[in-house]
Each structure stands twice: as C-alpha cells, then as structure tokens.
C-alpha cells in the first residue's frame, strides 16, 4: 500500500485489466481530470490497454510548452522546468533529459491530433496518476510542497487526510464536521454570525465531501465557471474515494459582506486543494472494485444506503474480514472510531460465493445515538424486515415471506441485548431490530 505525500503511483494502476471478460466491460469512453479540471472525455482513447490524450490537451492542462517538428521524423518536444521529453510519432523510443527511454506504446496521429500516452507524460513530469476502474476515470494531480514555516497542517479524521493551510487560518475560518451530519466537512467564515440572520439557509465558504462516484455531466459543465459548483481535489486508489470541494453561490451573501466572502474563498480555495489522503490501515486488506466482484459492491452499497446509518458510514472502507459469519466467501467490515480509539460503529456484511447476503451485523458504542425520526412499532419492524428480505434474499418468488416475533434469537454479544427485538421468518432466517432507533442490527440466513 502507498499514499505517502506526493508518491507517484506505480505504473500498473493505469493498466486496464487484461482478461477477456474485463475488456468487454470497458469502452473507450474515459473521463480525465487534470489538477481537478475536467477534460472532454471525447478526446481520450484507450489503445493497446493504454489511455491516450491529444498532446495539446495534456500540455495545456499541465502548463507545458510543446514544439512540433513537421519533418519526416514528426518529433514532439515537451518542456517543463528542468525537464525535456522528446518523442516521435509511431516510434517506441523517447528521450527524457537526453536519456533514451523505451516506450511500451507509440504516439500516433488521429484526426489531425497527435495522441500521446498520458501515463508516460504525467509520471515523467512527477505527477500523481491514478486509474479508477469503476467509473473509468484517470486523475492527474500536481500537488505543491509548502515551506513548513508558512503553513499549518490540519488532519481531518472523517476524511482521513491532511490539509496544509496558511498560518493563522483559525482566526479567519472554522473547519468543522458539526454543521452537516453526513460525514462532510464545512469551511465557515469566522464572521458568519454577523450576517447569518440575513440568510435563508446555512451557507459555508465551501464543503469538503467524499464519494465513490464522480461528477455528473451537470457538475462538469460548471467546472470552468468563476465559482465552481464542485472541484475535485483528490482520489485515493486504496479506498476508491474521490474528494471534492463544493461551493455555494456568493450571490446568497448580503452585499456588504460579499466582497469579504469572495476574498476568503479565493484565499483558501488553493490551500484546500492541496489535500493528501492517508493510507488505510495496513493490518487489514481492503476490498477493491473489480469487474468480477461488481455484484458484491452493488449489494454492499445498497445495504449501507438502505439499512445502515448511512450518514455515519457513507464513505465506508470495506475491509476483508472473517468475523461473525464463518461460511462467508466475501465478508467485509466497516467501522468508525473515536479519537481515543474506542468504537462508534461496527458494520459487518457477509456474502456467499454467488454474492447472496448470508449475514449482517450493526453494532454501536453505548453512547452513540442515531438521528432517526421514525418511532418504533412491531408493524414497522415487520415492514422493514420484509423490505430487507425483498431486496437482498433470494427467496422463491411464489412463496410468501412470513415473519414472527421470537426473542430467543437475539445474540447476547450486543451490549443492549435485553432491549432488542428478535424475529424469525418461515425460511429460518433471524432478524434483530433495535427499537431505540428502528435499525436492523443483526441478520443471519437460515440453515
């Protein structure tokens, strides 16, 4: 595993899967982000398992100087600070600062555009390059080093990463996770209290959030505006999480504060872009998305999104773990912890070889309260269990699921076992619901 600051990703992460089945799943429609800026995916192309871009697109995005020699050799020269790369169309040899380098794929001409391998160019320029199979995305980042005497490092536990902010930032802004509960981080103007009464809604300078999905077409269309709606600042290939900055409209701010608000955004936008996500816990393996385990991921994400306290495990990292359910082929656990190391949430999901759910366990610390507005009732329990069974259990379609209360099925390992409600269906599966929050906290498939 990696993710030290500014570490260049190993070349293999840009190589697409080589199995026949994987190739059938992957098209040439590749989305590319360079330093948070979306590049038109129609310019990219996958050829010989490598991603190519027109040299003009990649050079302009990275601020490079490009010279063409239109003679028979069709030489391309790319210049950056202390670096010169020389390539030739249809030739597999290049030079980096005069040193000859063998290419595993050749530049070529397509529709009057010179196509070059983005991996070779970016990594020789010392960029951070990553490939995301799930969304077919290439990200290229050029993150700056800051003099230690001019910045303060700020670690954000919910994002598992580090920001490098100007010294004295806490006199102008507040960085907090208490204003939006869904695991997001808000950056708030310290003078917010002076004008919040004039606002119709809570408006921070921006919000930092994470997701395993990338921006929609609508979001991309706003990338080049003066005030971006979203801005991609990081992608961590270990957790497969994209990190975004999300901006509010300055037009919502009272006019007499608008200039001050815009100045703060301009000042701190660049600083917050230099975010570095940390490596995950090296003592446990992480489930990564593949074409073959897509169903596992689909079921896991549906389970988290539909039946767990999603605002606490929304950006979960699924570790490989053989825990409560020993017969599982695919078993994962997600957890969150307090700063003292004690557990807040423990979520385990277990699947068989065909990705059918066979077990589920949701445990929490004694002092964790779930924000849920619905009130408990037996009728509500049964409805929740039926929805759960319909979504995840491969029961015969022509046989009705019947559910009966059975307190004897409640496992004793829950700290509040005496207060939990147990149920059993006619296929032998057991379910446990916590009436304090109406969540299903335990499920085990019938034997």
Protein backbone atom coordinates (compact mmCIF):
# COMPACT_ATOMS: atom_id res chain seq x y z
CA UNK A 1 0.00 0.00 0.00
CA UNK A 2 1.00 3.58 -0.51
CA UNK A 3 -0.28 7.11 -0.15
CA UNK A 4 2.69 8.94 1.27
CA UNK A 5 2.56 12.58 0.27
CA UNK A 6 3.34 13.13 -3.41
CA UNK A 7 4.22 9.48 -4.03
CA UNK A 8 3.90 8.60 -7.70
CA UNK A 9 1.53 5.72 -8.32
CA UNK A 10 3.02 2.52 -9.70
CA UNK A 11 2.62 2.17 -13.46
CA UNK A 12 0.35 -0.82 -13.18
CA UNK A 13 -2.52 1.26 -11.82
CA UNK A 14 -3.09 2.81 -15.21
CA UNK A 15 -3.01 -0.54 -16.99
CA UNK A 16 -6.51 -1.81 -17.66
CA UNK A 17 -7.49 -5.39 -16.77
CA UNK A 18 -6.16 -7.92 -19.27
CA UNK A 19 -8.78 -10.64 -19.07
CA UNK A 20 -11.17 -11.03 -21.99
CA UNK A 21 -14.18 -10.50 -19.74
CA UNK A 22 -12.78 -7.24 -18.34
CA UNK A 23 -12.02 -5.85 -21.80
CA UNK A 24 -15.60 -6.49 -22.87
CA UNK A 25 -16.77 -4.32 -19.95
CA UNK A 26 -14.54 -1.37 -20.74
CA UNK A 27 -15.11 1.12 -23.56
CA UNK A 28 -13.00 3.96 -24.87
CA UNK A 29 -15.17 6.46 -23.01
CA UNK A 30 -12.62 7.62 -20.43
CA UNK A 31 -13.07 10.63 -18.15
CA UNK A 32 -9.89 12.54 -17.32
CA UNK A 33 -9.26 15.08 -14.57
CA UNK A 34 -6.01 17.06 -14.51
CA UNK A 35 -5.48 19.09 -11.32
CA UNK A 36 -9.20 18.98 -10.65
CA UNK A 37 -10.16 20.20 -14.10
CA UNK A 38 -12.39 18.02 -16.22
CA UNK A 39 -11.10 17.32 -19.74
CA UNK A 40 -13.53 16.45 -22.52
CA UNK A 41 -13.74 12.65 -22.46
CA UNK A 42 -14.30 12.56 -26.22
CA UNK A 43 -10.63 13.49 -26.66
CA UNK A 44 -9.36 10.38 -24.90
CA UNK A 45 -8.89 6.91 -26.32
CA UNK A 46 -7.84 3.51 -24.97
CA UNK A 47 -5.48 1.69 -27.32
CA UNK A 48 -3.36 -1.36 -26.50
CA UNK A 49 -4.59 -1.11 -22.90
CA UNK A 50 -3.21 2.43 -22.52
CA UNK A 51 -5.01 5.76 -22.21
CA UNK A 52 -4.08 8.39 -24.81
CA UNK A 53 -4.81 12.09 -24.99
CA UNK A 54 -4.03 14.72 -27.65
CA UNK A 55 -0.71 16.30 -26.67
CA UNK A 56 -2.30 19.74 -26.89
CA UNK A 57 -4.91 18.87 -24.24
CA UNK A 58 -2.48 17.40 -21.73
CA UNK A 59 0.17 20.08 -22.26
CA UNK A 60 -2.23 22.99 -21.80
CA UNK A 61 -3.71 21.40 -18.67
CA UNK A 62 -0.27 20.97 -17.10
CA UNK A 63 1.16 24.30 -18.29
CA UNK A 64 3.75 22.75 -20.60
CA UNK A 65 5.45 24.12 -23.71
CA UNK A 66 5.15 21.86 -26.76
CA UNK A 67 7.10 22.13 -30.01
CA UNK A 68 6.42 20.14 -33.20
CA UNK A 69 8.87 19.27 -35.91
CA UNK A 70 6.84 18.58 -39.03
CA UNK A 71 9.63 16.90 -40.95
CA UNK A 72 9.74 13.18 -41.68
CA UNK A 73 10.56 12.30 -38.05
CA UNK A 74 7.50 14.16 -36.71
CA UNK A 75 9.27 14.95 -33.47
CA UNK A 76 7.38 16.17 -30.37
CA UNK A 77 9.29 18.12 -27.71
CA UNK A 78 7.65 18.78 -24.33
CA UNK A 79 9.36 21.21 -21.98
CA UNK A 80 8.81 21.87 -18.30
CA UNK A 81 11.06 23.22 -15.57
CA UNK A 82 14.32 21.23 -15.61
CA UNK A 83 12.77 18.61 -17.88
CA UNK A 84 12.63 17.93 -21.61
CA UNK A 85 10.75 14.98 -23.13
CA UNK A 86 11.26 14.10 -26.80
CA UNK A 87 9.03 11.66 -28.68
CA UNK A 88 8.35 10.73 -32.30
CA UNK A 89 5.07 9.68 -33.88
CA UNK A 90 4.90 5.91 -34.49
CA UNK A 91 8.22 5.27 -32.71
CA UNK A 92 8.68 3.44 -29.41
CA UNK A 93 11.78 5.34 -28.27
CA UNK A 94 11.69 8.61 -26.34
CA UNK A 95 14.25 10.76 -24.58
CA UNK A 96 13.90 12.23 -21.08
CA UNK A 97 16.53 14.92 -20.49
CA UNK A 98 18.58 13.31 -23.25
CA UNK A 99 18.38 9.79 -21.82
CA UNK A 100 16.81 7.23 -24.15
CA UNK A 101 13.70 5.50 -22.79
CA UNK A 102 11.83 2.55 -24.33
CA UNK A 103 8.07 3.09 -24.67
CA UNK A 104 5.59 0.22 -24.40
CA UNK A 105 3.23 2.04 -26.76
CA UNK A 106 3.80 4.51 -29.60
CA UNK A 107 2.39 8.02 -30.13
CA UNK A 108 0.14 8.22 -33.19
CA UNK A 109 -1.98 10.61 -35.27
CA UNK A 110 -5.77 10.56 -35.08
CA UNK A 111 -7.94 13.11 -36.91
CA UNK A 112 -5.03 15.56 -37.14
CA UNK A 113 -4.33 15.22 -33.40
CA UNK A 114 -1.11 13.81 -32.01
CA UNK A 115 -2.07 11.21 -29.38
CA UNK A 116 0.39 10.51 -26.56
CA UNK A 117 0.21 8.10 -23.56
CA UNK A 118 -0.93 10.14 -20.56
CA UNK A 119 0.77 7.77 -18.13
CA UNK A 120 4.25 8.23 -19.59
CA UNK A 121 3.93 12.01 -19.86
CA UNK A 122 2.44 12.55 -16.40
CA UNK A 123 4.75 10.27 -14.47
CA UNK A 124 7.88 11.65 -16.11
CA UNK A 125 6.64 15.08 -15.03
CA UNK A 126 6.43 13.72 -11.44
CA UNK A 127 2.65 13.84 -11.27
CA UNK A 128 0.34 11.69 -9.14
CA UNK A 129 -1.55 9.47 -11.63
CA UNK A 130 -4.41 7.10 -10.78
CA UNK A 131 -6.89 4.87 -12.58
CA UNK A 132 -10.44 4.21 -11.34
CA UNK A 133 -11.98 1.12 -12.96
CA UNK A 134 -15.50 1.56 -11.57
CA UNK A 135 -16.03 4.88 -13.38
CA UNK A 136 -13.23 4.59 -16.00
CA UNK A 137 -11.50 7.73 -14.75
CA UNK A 138 -7.89 8.86 -14.93
CA UNK A 139 -6.85 11.51 -12.40
CA UNK A 140 -3.63 13.52 -12.62
CA UNK A 141 -2.60 15.76 -9.73
CA UNK A 142 0.33 18.14 -9.32
CA UNK A 143 0.32 18.94 -5.60
CA UNK A 144 2.59 21.61 -4.24
CA UNK A 145 5.10 21.45 -1.43
CA UNK A 146 4.74 24.20 1.16
CA UNK A 147 7.52 25.67 3.28
CA UNK A 148 6.93 24.36 6.79
CA UNK A 149 7.38 27.79 8.31
CA UNK A 150 4.47 29.26 6.33
CA UNK A 151 1.73 26.66 6.84
CA UNK A 152 -0.06 24.65 9.48
CA UNK A 153 -1.01 21.04 8.79
CA UNK A 154 -4.58 20.11 9.65
CA UNK A 155 -5.60 16.44 9.91
CA UNK A 156 -9.28 15.65 9.31
CA UNK A 157 -10.25 12.28 10.78
CA UNK A 158 -13.51 11.88 8.86
CA UNK A 159 -11.64 12.33 5.59
CA UNK A 160 -8.51 10.51 6.78
CA UNK A 161 -6.32 13.15 5.22
CA UNK A 162 -4.22 16.27 5.67
CA UNK A 163 -4.64 19.89 4.59
CA UNK A 164 -1.83 22.48 4.53
CA UNK A 165 -3.28 25.87 5.46
CA UNK A 166 -1.74 29.32 5.93
CA UNK A 167 -0.62 30.03 9.48
CA UNK A 168 -3.29 31.84 11.42
CA UNK A 169 -6.10 30.32 9.35
CA UNK A 170 -8.14 29.68 12.52
CA UNK A 171 -8.51 33.44 13.01
CA UNK A 172 -10.44 33.74 9.72
CA UNK A 173 -12.16 30.40 9.14
CA UNK A 174 -13.58 27.48 11.06
CA UNK A 175 -13.11 23.91 9.78
CA UNK A 176 -15.72 21.65 11.35
CA UNK A 177 -17.78 18.46 10.96
CA UNK A 178 -20.58 19.56 13.31
CA UNK A 179 -22.72 21.59 10.92
CA UNK A 180 -23.54 18.87 8.39
CA UNK A 181 -24.00 15.40 9.82
CA UNK A 182 -23.43 13.29 6.69
CA UNK A 183 -19.69 12.94 7.25
CA UNK A 184 -18.92 16.18 5.45
CA UNK A 185 -16.53 18.95 6.47
CA UNK A 186 -17.58 22.59 6.34
CA UNK A 187 -15.28 25.59 6.00
CA UNK A 188 -17.03 28.55 7.59
CA UNK A 189 -16.31 32.29 7.66
CA UNK A 190 -15.50 33.31 11.26
CA UNK A 191 -17.68 36.40 10.70
CA UNK A 192 -20.63 34.23 9.72
CA UNK A 193 -22.56 35.11 12.89
CA UNK A 194 -22.58 38.75 11.79
CA UNK A 195 -24.71 38.06 8.73
CA UNK A 196 -26.33 34.64 9.21
CA UNK A 197 -29.63 36.19 10.28
CA UNK A 198 -29.96 37.71 6.80
CA UNK A 199 -29.60 34.31 5.09
CA UNK A 200 -32.37 31.89 4.25
CA UNK A 201 -30.10 28.86 4.67
CA UNK A 202 -26.77 27.82 6.14
CA UNK A 203 -24.03 28.92 3.70
CA UNK A 204 -20.41 27.96 4.38
CA UNK A 205 -17.49 29.08 2.24
CA UNK A 206 -17.37 25.54 0.91
CA UNK A 207 -17.89 21.93 1.91
CA UNK A 208 -15.39 19.08 1.62
CA UNK A 209 -17.01 15.73 0.85
CA UNK A 210 -16.07 12.27 -0.39
CA UNK A 211 -17.77 9.84 -2.73
CA UNK A 212 -17.08 6.72 -4.77
CA UNK A 213 -18.90 8.23 -7.73
CA UNK A 214 -17.62 11.03 -9.93
CA UNK A 215 -19.29 14.23 -11.02
CA UNK A 216 -22.41 14.28 -13.13
CA UNK A 217 -22.49 15.91 -16.53
CA UNK A 218 -24.27 18.91 -14.99
CA UNK A 219 -21.48 19.29 -12.44
CA UNK A 220 -18.80 19.04 -15.12
CA UNK A 221 -20.42 21.80 -17.16
CA UNK A 222 -19.84 24.20 -14.27
CA UNK A 223 -16.16 23.39 -13.84
CA UNK A 224 -14.85 26.34 -15.79
CA UNK A 225 -17.04 28.99 -14.22
CA UNK A 226 -15.51 31.57 -11.91
CA UNK A 227 -17.29 29.96 -8.97
CA UNK A 228 -17.21 26.19 -9.36
CA UNK A 229 -20.02 24.06 -8.04
CA UNK A 230 -17.64 21.14 -7.47
CA UNK A 231 -13.88 20.83 -7.65
CA UNK A 232 -12.06 17.51 -7.50
CA UNK A 233 -9.05 17.74 -5.16
CA UNK A 234 -8.04 14.11 -4.55
CA UNK A 235 -8.52 10.48 -5.48
CA UNK A 236 -7.27 7.68 -3.23
CA UNK A 237 -6.91 4.39 -5.15
CA UNK A 238 -6.79 2.34 -1.93
CA UNK A 239 -10.23 3.45 -0.74
CA UNK A 240 -11.50 4.42 -4.23
CA UNK A 241 -12.80 7.68 -2.75
CA UNK A 242 -12.94 10.96 -4.66
CA UNK A 243 -12.64 14.09 -2.51
CA UNK A 244 -14.44 17.25 -3.68
CA UNK A 245 -14.77 20.86 -2.70
CA UNK A 246 -18.36 22.01 -3.14
CA UNK A 247 -19.04 25.73 -3.41
CA UNK A 248 -22.02 27.89 -2.51
CA UNK A 249 -23.13 30.84 -4.60
CA UNK A 250 -21.76 34.20 -3.38
CA UNK A 251 -24.97 35.86 -4.59
CA UNK A 252 -26.69 34.50 -1.49
CA UNK A 253 -24.40 36.51 0.81
CA UNK A 254 -25.51 40.01 1.94
CA UNK A 255 -23.98 42.60 -0.38
CA UNK A 256 -21.97 44.33 2.34
CA UNK A 257 -20.24 41.01 3.17
CA UNK A 258 -19.98 39.63 -0.36
CA UNK A 259 -16.53 41.02 -1.13
CA UNK A 260 -15.16 39.71 2.17
CA UNK A 261 -16.72 36.29 1.47
CA UNK A 262 -15.25 36.07 -2.05
CA UNK A 263 -11.82 37.09 -0.79
CA UNK A 264 -11.83 34.27 1.75
CA UNK A 265 -12.90 31.75 -0.88
CA UNK A 266 -10.14 32.91 -3.23
CA UNK A 267 -7.54 32.77 -0.45
CA UNK A 268 -8.40 29.35 0.91
CA UNK A 269 -9.53 27.58 -2.25
CA UNK A 270 -5.96 26.99 -3.40
CA UNK A 271 -4.82 25.92 0.07
CA UNK A 272 -7.61 23.37 0.47
CA UNK A 273 -6.86 21.91 -2.96
CA UNK A 274 -3.58 20.63 -1.54
CA UNK A 275 -5.18 17.78 0.32
CA UNK A 276 -3.37 14.48 0.78
CA UNK A 277 -5.31 11.38 1.77
CA UNK A 278 -3.62 8.88 4.03
CA UNK A 279 -3.11 5.17 3.55
CA UNK A 280 -5.66 2.83 5.07
CA UNK A 281 -4.96 0.53 7.99
CA UNK A 282 -2.16 -1.74 6.75
CA UNK A 283 -3.12 -4.51 9.15
CA UNK A 284 -6.29 -5.26 7.14
CA UNK A 285 -6.90 -5.82 3.43
CA UNK A 286 -9.34 -3.61 1.56
CA UNK A 287 -11.90 -4.83 -0.96
CA UNK A 288 -11.21 -3.10 -4.27
CA UNK A 289 -13.74 -2.87 -7.05
CA UNK A 290 -13.26 -5.28 -9.97
CA UNK A 291 -15.42 -6.33 -12.88
CA UNK A 292 -15.77 -9.75 -11.29
CA UNK A 293 -16.97 -8.54 -7.87
CA UNK A 294 -19.31 -5.80 -9.12
CA UNK A 295 -22.36 -7.59 -7.66
CA UNK A 296 -20.69 -7.76 -4.25
CA UNK A 297 -20.13 -3.98 -4.34
CA UNK A 298 -23.65 -3.28 -5.60
CA UNK A 299 -25.18 -5.30 -2.76
CA UNK A 300 -22.83 -3.81 -0.16
CA UNK A 301 -23.58 -0.24 -1.20
CA UNK A 302 -27.33 -0.92 -1.33
CA UNK A 303 -27.13 -2.40 2.16
CA UNK A 304 -25.28 0.61 3.53
CA UNK A 305 -27.50 3.08 1.69
CA UNK A 306 -30.78 1.43 2.63
CA UNK A 307 -30.45 -0.12 6.07
CA UNK A 308 -27.42 1.27 7.91
CA UNK A 309 -26.98 4.78 9.40
CA UNK A 310 -25.60 5.95 6.06
CA UNK A 311 -24.61 9.39 7.32
CA UNK A 312 -22.10 7.66 9.63
CA UNK A 313 -20.76 5.05 7.18
CA UNK A 314 -21.48 6.77 3.85
CA UNK A 315 -17.84 6.73 2.77
CA UNK A 316 -17.10 3.35 4.29
CA UNK A 317 -13.89 1.41 3.63
CA UNK A 318 -14.76 -2.30 3.35
CA UNK A 319 -12.02 -4.43 4.87
CA UNK A 320 -11.74 -8.15 4.21
CA UNK A 321 -12.65 -9.78 7.47
CA UNK A 322 -13.74 -13.24 8.60
CA UNK A 323 -15.76 -12.35 11.65
CA UNK A 324 -19.17 -13.38 12.89
CA UNK A 325 -20.17 -15.32 9.76
CA UNK A 326 -17.63 -18.07 9.13
CA UNK A 327 -19.22 -19.54 5.98
CA UNK A 328 -18.87 -16.31 4.01
CA UNK A 329 -16.97 -16.21 0.73
CA UNK A 330 -16.99 -12.41 0.74
CA UNK A 331 -17.04 -10.79 4.16
CA UNK A 332 -16.37 -7.13 4.90
CA UNK A 333 -16.37 -4.86 7.88
CA UNK A 334 -16.63 -1.07 8.09
CA UNK A 335 -16.09 0.84 11.29
CA UNK A 336 -15.62 4.31 12.67
CA UNK A 337 -13.73 5.14 15.85
CA UNK A 338 -13.43 8.00 18.30
CA UNK A 339 -10.15 9.82 18.81
CA UNK A 340 -9.43 7.64 21.85
CA UNK A 341 -9.65 4.51 19.70
CA UNK A 342 -12.99 3.28 21.03
CA UNK A 343 -15.57 2.01 18.56
CA UNK A 344 -18.50 4.10 17.39
CA UNK A 345 -19.93 1.96 14.58
CA UNK A 346 -19.13 -1.60 13.51
CA UNK A 347 -20.84 -2.84 10.37
CA UNK A 348 -20.21 -6.35 9.03
CA UNK A 349 -21.73 -7.85 5.89
CA UNK A 350 -21.20 -11.42 4.66
CA UNK A 351 -22.00 -12.92 1.25
CA UNK A 352 -21.77 -16.40 -0.27
CA UNK A 353 -19.91 -17.29 -3.48
CA UNK A 354 -22.85 -16.04 -5.57
CA UNK A 355 -22.89 -12.71 -3.67
CA UNK A 356 -26.10 -13.52 -1.81
CA UNK A 357 -26.29 -11.95 1.64
CA UNK A 358 -25.96 -14.51 4.43
CA UNK A 359 -25.20 -12.28 7.42
CA UNK A 360 -25.33 -8.71 8.65
CA UNK A 361 -24.29 -7.11 11.93
CA UNK A 362 -24.55 -3.48 13.00
CA UNK A 363 -23.09 -2.66 16.39
CA UNK A 364 -22.51 0.71 18.05
CA UNK A 365 -20.92 2.22 21.10
CA UNK A 366 -23.00 2.71 24.20
CA UNK A 367 -23.10 6.48 23.80
CA UNK A 368 -23.77 6.64 20.05
CA UNK A 369 -27.20 7.97 19.15
CA UNK A 370 -28.63 7.57 15.66
CA UNK A 371 -30.55 10.51 14.26
CA UNK A 372 -33.78 8.84 13.16
CA UNK A 373 -37.21 10.44 13.26
CA UNK A 374 -39.45 7.36 12.96
CA UNK A 375 -40.94 5.79 16.08
CA UNK A 376 -40.63 2.10 16.84
CA UNK A 377 -43.54 -0.31 16.38
CA UNK A 378 -43.87 -4.04 15.74
CA UNK A 379 -45.67 -3.29 12.47
CA UNK A 380 -42.77 -1.06 11.44
CA UNK A 381 -40.28 -3.83 12.28
CA UNK A 382 -42.07 -6.34 10.09
CA UNK A 383 -42.33 -3.87 7.20
CA UNK A 384 -38.59 -3.12 7.46
CA UNK A 385 -37.75 -6.83 7.52
CA UNK A 386 -39.94 -7.52 4.50
CA UNK A 387 -38.22 -4.74 2.58
CA UNK A 388 -34.86 -6.14 3.61
CA UNK A 389 -35.81 -9.67 2.51
CA UNK A 390 -37.22 -8.49 -0.83
CA UNK A 391 -34.04 -6.58 -1.60
CA UNK A 392 -31.33 -8.99 -0.51
CA UNK A 393 -32.63 -12.53 -0.01
CA UNK A 394 -33.03 -14.87 -2.92
CA UNK A 395 -36.29 -16.40 -1.73
CA UNK A 396 -38.69 -18.17 -4.14
CA UNK A 397 -40.93 -15.60 -5.79
CA UNK A 398 -44.03 -17.80 -5.48
CA UNK A 399 -43.70 -18.31 -1.70
CA UNK A 400 -44.72 -15.60 0.74
CA UNK A 401 -42.35 -14.49 3.48
CA UNK A 402 -43.96 -14.65 6.91
CA UNK A 403 -42.31 -13.05 9.94
CA UNK A 404 -42.95 -13.82 13.60
CA UNK A 405 -41.53 -12.27 16.78
CA UNK A 406 -39.04 -14.52 18.62
CA UNK A 407 -36.98 -13.03 21.45
CA UNK A 408 -34.81 -16.15 21.75
CA UNK A 409 -32.87 -15.32 18.55
CA UNK A 410 -31.25 -12.14 19.93
CA UNK A 411 -27.45 -12.67 20.26
CA UNK A 412 -26.10 -11.97 23.72
CA UNK A 413 -22.99 -10.16 22.47
CA UNK A 414 -24.90 -6.90 21.99
CA UNK A 415 -24.38 -4.59 24.97
CA UNK A 416 -28.13 -3.79 24.93
CA UNK A 417 -29.33 -7.32 24.08
CA UNK A 418 -32.15 -7.20 26.67
CA UNK A 419 -33.80 -4.30 24.85
CA UNK A 420 -33.56 -5.68 21.29
CA UNK A 421 -36.48 -7.22 19.38
CA UNK A 422 -35.98 -10.59 17.66
CA UNK A 423 -37.87 -12.03 14.66
CA UNK A 424 -37.73 -15.17 12.53
CA UNK A 425 -39.12 -15.87 9.07
CA UNK A 426 -40.53 -19.07 7.59
CA UNK A 427 -37.21 -19.78 5.81
CA UNK A 428 -35.34 -19.91 9.12
CA UNK A 429 -33.62 -16.51 8.88
CA UNK A 430 -33.35 -14.44 12.04
CA UNK A 431 -33.55 -10.67 12.36
CA UNK A 432 -32.87 -8.34 15.27
CA UNK A 433 -34.07 -4.76 15.48
CA UNK A 434 -33.04 -2.10 17.98
CA UNK A 435 -36.28 -0.32 18.99
CA UNK A 436 -34.29 2.71 20.14
CA UNK A 437 -33.51 3.58 16.51
CA UNK A 438 -35.53 1.08 14.42
CA UNK A 439 -32.47 -0.22 12.61
CA UNK A 440 -31.94 -3.88 11.75
CA UNK A 441 -28.81 -4.63 13.77
CA UNK A 442 -28.46 -8.33 13.01
CA UNK A 443 -29.44 -10.81 10.31
CA UNK A 444 -28.46 -14.44 9.74
CA UNK A 445 -29.68 -16.58 6.89
CA UNK A 446 -31.50 -19.79 7.79
CA UNK A 447 -29.50 -23.03 7.76
